[in-house]
Amino acid sequence: MTSTSTPPGLARFNALEEHAALAVLHEVCASTAWARRLLAGRPYATAGDLYAAGDAATAGLTAADLDEAMAGHPPIGRPRPGDAVSAREQSGMTGASDALRAELLDLNLAYQEKFGHVFLVCATGRTGEQMRDAVKERIGNAPEREREIVRTELGKINRIRLARLVEGDRRTMSTETTASVSTHILDTSAGRPAGGVAVHLHARSGRAAHWQALGGSATDEDGRCRDLPALPEGTTHVRLDFAVEAYFEETAEKQADAQQDAPANRDGGAPVFFPEVAVTFAVVPGEHYHVPLLLNPFGYSVYRGS
């Protein structure tokens, strides 16, 4: 595929009936005005055309439109039950402590009392601590300044969601100048996929280079992480960070029978020995790397799959 060809997901969007396309756009942004402006711009020849239209529509939202858009977003740290999109975007909260969740709740309530709307931030790739710090930093803003920051953050979120729409279910593939990465997690102690595990992607260009945080996602009910960010050109090494502690804490009771003879009985019943798993590997342009994690509370293994 060339950079000027129409991606399959974009082609499907262009071909949708009007009511179906409008419903898809409402999943990206709850503002009716935003969705109708993008609907009026179809068909889009390239992903860039769609993103530019989305940016222009976000910039043109009135105060009422912006309120409508924000109403479609749950508070940080509290995605609505069944809202897989928000849960994935807020995957940095997966391993958050009870204390951090409580602090975020208090900050969210204070923010909403001051500004009259939900705290909105592009949460993709942010840790729970970074989201908390963002609320602390912005709660002191003047209302006019905060509204413009909200508009900027909304634009970032809309862009990410439009990118997923463009890609559809197709994974980001390797090119002549970069590699691509995917992963899934199998809980070997239970014989099933591990869903809801936060995964963060880092890359560097050369062994002496600093790691660049690219963002992250979370595994779905099949244990697959389907929307990891693309690798930048020149990437030579990749690191996948798996936040597994929260997963095992949530499934500790279900794992009890299978793990009754494991060393947990000798160390106070700690649910997981490795709270985090970091996997680093070398990549070359033009190759796709599927790196599954086989996991149990007391060990793990990885391999290059296909």
Protein backbone atom coordinates (compact mmCIF):
# COMPACT_ATOMS: atom_id res chain seq x y z
CA MET A 1 0.00 0.00 0.00
CA THR A 2 1.30 3.44 -0.87
CA SER A 3 0.89 6.48 1.30
CA THR A 4 -1.68 7.93 -1.13
CA SER A 5 -3.93 4.89 -1.45
CA THR A 6 -7.18 4.62 0.48
CA PRO A 7 -6.79 2.32 3.51
CA PRO A 8 -9.41 -0.46 3.75
CA GLY A 9 -10.99 0.98 6.90
CA LEU A 10 -11.37 4.40 5.28
CA ALA A 11 -12.85 2.86 2.14
CA ARG A 12 -15.44 1.03 4.26
CA PHE A 13 -16.30 4.27 6.06
CA ASN A 14 -16.72 6.12 2.76
CA ALA A 15 -19.13 3.42 1.57
CA LEU A 16 -21.36 3.34 4.66
CA GLU A 17 -24.97 4.49 4.50
CA GLU A 18 -25.39 7.95 6.00
CA HIS A 19 -27.05 6.79 9.23
CA ALA A 20 -24.38 4.11 9.77
CA ALA A 21 -21.52 6.54 9.08
CA LEU A 22 -23.04 9.05 11.51
CA ALA A 23 -23.24 6.37 14.20
CA VAL A 24 -19.57 5.50 13.65
CA LEU A 25 -18.56 9.15 13.94
CA HIS A 26 -20.58 9.54 17.16
CA GLU A 27 -18.45 6.75 18.64
CA VAL A 28 -15.41 8.91 17.89
CA CYS A 29 -16.87 12.18 19.18
CA ALA A 30 -20.23 12.80 20.88
CA SER A 31 -20.67 16.23 19.28
CA THR A 32 -23.41 16.13 16.63
CA ALA A 33 -21.97 19.18 14.85
CA TRP A 34 -18.54 17.53 14.66
CA ALA A 35 -19.95 14.30 13.26
CA ARG A 36 -22.12 16.03 10.67
CA ARG A 37 -19.24 18.16 9.43
CA LEU A 38 -17.11 15.05 8.83
CA LEU A 39 -20.06 13.28 7.26
CA ALA A 40 -20.47 16.15 4.79
CA GLY A 41 -16.83 15.79 3.72
CA ARG A 42 -17.10 12.23 2.43
CA PRO A 43 -15.59 10.56 0.51
CA TYR A 44 -12.07 11.04 1.86
CA ALA A 45 -9.24 10.05 -0.46
CA THR A 46 -6.61 9.64 2.26
CA ALA A 47 -6.38 9.26 6.00
CA GLY A 48 -4.69 12.67 6.13
CA ASP A 49 -7.76 14.27 4.55
CA LEU A 50 -9.98 12.72 7.22
CA TYR A 51 -7.67 13.81 10.06
CA ALA A 52 -7.51 17.37 8.71
CA ALA A 53 -11.30 17.49 8.51
CA GLY A 54 -11.53 16.22 12.09
CA ASP A 55 -9.08 18.88 13.31
CA ALA A 56 -11.00 21.62 11.52
CA ALA A 57 -14.31 20.40 12.94
CA THR A 58 -12.86 20.34 16.47
CA ALA A 59 -11.52 23.87 16.08
CA GLY A 60 -14.96 25.05 14.96
CA LEU A 61 -16.97 23.65 17.89
CA THR A 62 -19.08 26.18 19.76
CA ALA A 63 -19.21 26.20 23.57
CA ALA A 64 -22.40 24.11 23.46
CA ASP A 65 -20.83 21.69 20.97
CA LEU A 66 -17.81 21.30 23.21
CA ASP A 67 -20.06 20.56 26.20
CA GLU A 68 -21.82 17.89 24.13
CA ALA A 69 -18.50 16.34 23.16
CA MET A 70 -17.24 16.27 26.76
CA ALA A 71 -20.47 14.64 27.95
CA GLY A 72 -19.49 11.58 25.94
CA HIS A 73 -16.33 11.03 28.01
CA PRO A 74 -16.31 9.33 31.42
CA PRO A 75 -14.22 10.67 34.32
CA ILE A 76 -10.55 9.66 34.31
CA GLY A 77 -10.13 6.43 36.25
CA ARG A 78 -13.83 5.52 35.99
CA PRO A 79 -14.71 4.33 32.48
CA ARG A 80 -18.34 3.31 32.11
CA PRO A 81 -19.08 -0.43 32.31
CA GLY A 82 -18.95 -1.88 28.79
CA ASP A 83 -17.13 1.17 27.38
CA ALA A 84 -14.22 -0.73 25.81
CA VAL A 85 -12.87 2.34 24.01
CA SER A 86 -12.47 4.45 27.15
CA ALA A 87 -11.17 1.47 29.13
CA ARG A 88 -8.50 0.91 26.48
CA GLU A 89 -7.56 4.59 26.39
CA GLN A 90 -7.32 4.68 30.18
CA SER A 91 -5.37 1.41 30.39
CA GLY A 92 -2.69 3.23 32.37
CA MET A 93 -5.07 2.95 35.35
CA THR A 94 -5.10 -0.85 35.15
CA GLY A 95 -2.47 -1.31 37.85
CA ALA A 96 -3.34 1.80 39.87
CA SER A 97 -3.44 1.47 43.65
CA ASP A 98 -6.57 2.12 45.69
CA ALA A 99 -4.90 5.24 47.07
CA LEU A 100 -4.24 6.62 43.59
CA ARG A 101 -7.81 5.88 42.48
CA ALA A 102 -9.18 7.64 45.56
CA GLU A 103 -6.92 10.65 44.95
CA LEU A 104 -8.03 10.87 41.33
CA LEU A 105 -11.68 10.71 42.39
CA ASP A 106 -11.21 13.62 44.79
CA LEU A 107 -9.35 15.65 42.17
CA ASN A 108 -11.98 14.92 39.53
CA LEU A 109 -14.75 16.10 41.85
CA ALA A 110 -12.85 19.29 42.71
CA TYR A 111 -12.18 19.93 39.01
CA GLN A 112 -15.84 19.41 38.05
CA GLU A 113 -17.00 21.69 40.86
CA LYS A 114 -14.73 24.48 39.61
CA PHE A 115 -15.23 24.14 35.83
CA GLY A 116 -18.65 22.48 35.56
CA HIS A 117 -17.51 19.68 33.29
CA VAL A 118 -15.51 16.46 33.31
CA PHE A 119 -11.72 16.61 33.29
CA LEU A 120 -10.70 15.70 29.75
CA VAL A 121 -7.21 14.54 28.81
CA CYS A 122 -5.81 12.33 26.06
CA ALA A 123 -5.11 9.34 28.32
CA THR A 124 -3.59 7.03 25.70
CA GLY A 125 -0.11 6.05 26.83
CA ARG A 126 -0.35 7.91 30.17
CA THR A 127 0.15 6.23 33.52
CA GLY A 128 -2.26 6.76 36.39
CA GLU A 129 0.28 9.03 38.08
CA GLN A 130 0.61 11.15 34.93
CA MET A 131 -3.17 11.56 34.71
CA ARG A 132 -3.28 12.60 38.37
CA ASP A 133 -0.49 15.12 37.83
CA ALA A 134 -2.32 16.54 34.82
CA VAL A 135 -5.42 17.26 36.94
CA LYS A 136 -3.28 18.88 39.64
CA GLU A 137 -1.56 21.08 37.06
CA ARG A 138 -4.70 22.19 35.25
CA ILE A 139 -7.07 22.72 38.17
CA GLY A 140 -5.43 26.10 38.78
CA ASN A 141 -6.16 27.38 35.26
CA ALA A 142 -8.59 30.16 34.49
CA PRO A 143 -11.83 28.81 32.92
CA GLU A 144 -11.10 30.37 29.53
CA ARG A 145 -7.62 28.87 29.41
CA GLU A 146 -8.93 25.47 30.50
CA ARG A 147 -11.58 25.38 27.78
CA GLU A 148 -8.92 25.79 25.11
CA ILE A 149 -6.82 23.02 26.67
CA VAL A 150 -9.93 20.81 26.67
CA ARG A 151 -10.42 21.54 22.96
CA THR A 152 -6.80 20.57 22.27
CA GLU A 153 -7.10 17.33 24.25
CA LEU A 154 -10.37 16.48 22.52
CA GLY A 155 -8.65 16.94 19.17
CA LYS A 156 -5.92 14.47 20.19
CA ILE A 157 -8.50 11.90 21.29
CA ASN A 158 -10.52 12.32 18.10
CA ARG A 159 -7.38 11.84 15.98
CA ILE A 160 -6.48 8.59 17.75
CA ARG A 161 -10.01 7.27 17.37
CA LEU A 162 -10.15 8.25 13.71
CA ALA A 163 -6.86 6.42 13.17
CA ARG A 164 -8.42 3.26 14.59
CA LEU A 165 -11.38 3.79 12.27
CA VAL A 166 -9.03 4.12 9.29
CA GLU A 167 -7.04 1.02 10.21
CA GLY A 168 -10.11 -1.04 11.07
CA ASP A 169 -9.06 -4.48 12.28
CA ARG A 170 -5.90 -4.45 10.20
CA ARG A 171 -2.72 -4.35 12.24
CA THR A 172 -0.09 -1.73 11.57
CA MET A 173 2.22 -3.47 9.13
CA SER A 174 5.93 -3.15 8.64
CA THR A 175 7.39 -1.10 5.81
CA GLU A 176 10.74 -0.79 4.09
CA THR A 177 11.84 1.71 6.75
CA THR A 178 10.35 0.31 9.95
CA ALA A 179 9.20 -2.87 11.69
CA SER A 180 5.86 -3.58 13.36
CA VAL A 181 4.95 -5.27 16.63
CA SER A 182 2.01 -7.15 18.14
CA THR A 183 1.50 -9.32 21.20
CA HIS A 184 -0.93 -11.45 23.14
CA ILE A 185 -0.91 -12.92 26.65
CA LEU A 186 -1.85 -16.45 27.69
CA ASP A 187 -2.37 -17.18 31.39
CA THR A 188 -0.90 -20.69 31.51
CA SER A 189 -1.97 -21.19 35.13
CA ALA A 190 -5.62 -20.93 34.09
CA GLY A 191 -5.35 -22.06 30.47
CA ARG A 192 -7.01 -18.93 29.10
CA PRO A 193 -6.15 -15.53 27.60
CA ALA A 194 -5.28 -12.73 30.01
CA GLY A 195 -7.56 -9.77 29.30
CA GLY A 196 -7.31 -6.25 30.67
CA VAL A 197 -3.52 -6.19 31.02
CA ALA A 198 -1.97 -2.79 30.31
CA VAL A 199 0.84 -2.95 27.75
CA HIS A 200 3.19 -0.05 27.03
CA LEU A 201 5.49 0.19 24.02
CA HIS A 202 8.95 1.79 23.98
CA ALA A 203 11.46 2.07 21.14
CA ARG A 204 15.03 3.23 20.64
CA SER A 205 17.38 3.70 17.71
CA GLY A 206 20.66 2.10 18.69
CA ARG A 207 21.85 0.49 21.91
CA ALA A 208 23.13 3.79 23.31
CA ALA A 209 19.95 5.74 22.55
CA HIS A 210 17.35 6.65 25.13
CA TRP A 211 14.06 4.77 25.20
CA GLN A 212 11.11 6.63 23.67
CA ALA A 213 7.68 5.96 25.17
CA LEU A 214 5.26 5.48 22.27
CA GLY A 215 2.06 4.83 24.20
CA GLY A 216 0.13 1.72 25.00
CA SER A 217 -3.11 -0.18 25.12
CA ALA A 218 -4.62 -3.12 26.98
CA THR A 219 -5.29 -6.72 26.05
CA ASP A 220 -8.84 -7.61 25.05
CA GLU A 221 -10.86 -10.64 26.15
CA ASP A 222 -8.83 -12.76 23.72
CA GLY A 223 -5.60 -11.61 25.37
CA ARG A 224 -4.61 -9.65 22.28
CA CYS A 225 -3.30 -6.09 22.17
CA ARG A 226 -4.61 -5.01 18.79
CA ASP A 227 -3.71 -1.33 18.56
CA LEU A 228 -0.15 -0.77 19.69
CA PRO A 229 1.37 2.42 18.23
CA ALA A 230 3.46 2.23 15.08
CA LEU A 231 7.23 2.18 15.45
CA PRO A 232 9.16 5.25 14.26
CA GLU A 233 11.63 4.93 11.44
CA GLY A 234 15.09 3.88 12.56
CA THR A 235 13.87 1.71 15.44
CA THR A 236 16.40 -0.99 16.32
CA HIS A 237 15.12 -2.16 19.71
CA VAL A 238 11.64 -2.49 21.19
CA ARG A 239 10.51 -2.93 24.79
CA LEU A 240 7.08 -4.17 25.81
CA ASP A 241 6.12 -3.47 29.43
CA PHE A 242 3.31 -5.67 30.76
CA ALA A 243 1.58 -4.50 33.98
CA VAL A 244 0.51 -7.96 35.19
CA GLU A 245 0.10 -7.42 38.94
CA ALA A 246 -3.41 -5.96 38.73
CA TYR A 247 -4.52 -8.83 36.50
CA PHE A 248 -3.46 -11.43 39.04
CA GLU A 249 -4.91 -9.46 41.93
CA GLU A 250 -8.29 -9.47 40.18
CA THR A 251 -8.12 -13.18 39.38
CA ALA A 252 -6.46 -14.37 42.62
CA GLU A 253 -9.58 -16.14 43.90
CA LYS A 254 -10.12 -17.94 40.60
CA GLN A 255 -6.47 -19.00 40.59
CA ALA A 256 -6.48 -20.25 44.19
CA ASP A 257 -7.26 -23.90 43.47
CA ALA A 258 -4.78 -24.13 40.61
CA GLN A 259 -2.04 -22.51 42.68
CA GLN A 260 -2.67 -24.20 46.06
CA ASP A 261 0.67 -26.05 46.04
CA ALA A 262 2.69 -23.12 44.65
CA PRO A 263 5.24 -21.16 46.70
CA ALA A 264 2.61 -18.53 47.52
CA ASN A 265 1.72 -20.65 50.53
CA ARG A 266 5.22 -20.07 51.89
CA ASP A 267 5.43 -16.29 51.39
CA GLY A 268 2.17 -15.05 52.82
CA GLY A 269 0.08 -15.75 49.74
CA ALA A 270 1.40 -12.97 47.49
CA PRO A 271 -0.72 -13.17 44.31
CA VAL A 272 2.13 -12.57 41.89
CA PHE A 273 5.90 -12.78 42.12
CA PHE A 274 6.58 -10.57 39.07
CA PRO A 275 4.39 -7.43 39.27
CA GLU A 276 5.74 -6.23 35.92
CA VAL A 277 7.26 -7.97 32.93
CA ALA A 278 9.56 -6.11 30.53
CA VAL A 279 10.51 -7.76 27.25
CA THR A 280 13.23 -6.20 25.08
CA PHE A 281 14.09 -7.40 21.58
CA ALA A 282 15.87 -6.28 18.43
CA VAL A 283 13.99 -5.49 15.22
CA VAL A 284 14.85 -4.77 11.58
CA PRO A 285 12.82 -2.85 8.99
CA GLY A 286 10.41 -4.84 6.86
CA GLU A 287 9.71 -7.47 9.53
CA HIS A 288 6.66 -8.00 11.73
CA TYR A 289 7.32 -9.22 15.27
CA HIS A 290 4.56 -11.01 17.15
CA VAL A 291 5.89 -11.57 20.69
CA PRO A 292 3.46 -13.51 22.92
CA LEU A 293 3.79 -13.64 26.70
CA LEU A 294 3.10 -16.97 28.44
CA LEU A 295 2.35 -16.01 32.00
CA ASN A 296 1.73 -17.48 35.43
CA PRO A 297 2.04 -15.93 38.92
CA PHE A 298 5.56 -17.28 39.43
CA GLY A 299 7.16 -17.19 36.00
CA TYR A 300 6.81 -16.26 32.37
CA SER A 301 8.28 -16.98 28.95
CA VAL A 302 8.22 -15.21 25.62
CA TYR A 303 8.97 -16.16 22.05
CA ARG A 304 8.74 -14.77 18.56
CA GLY A 305 5.51 -16.05 17.07
CA SER A 306 3.94 -15.62 13.68
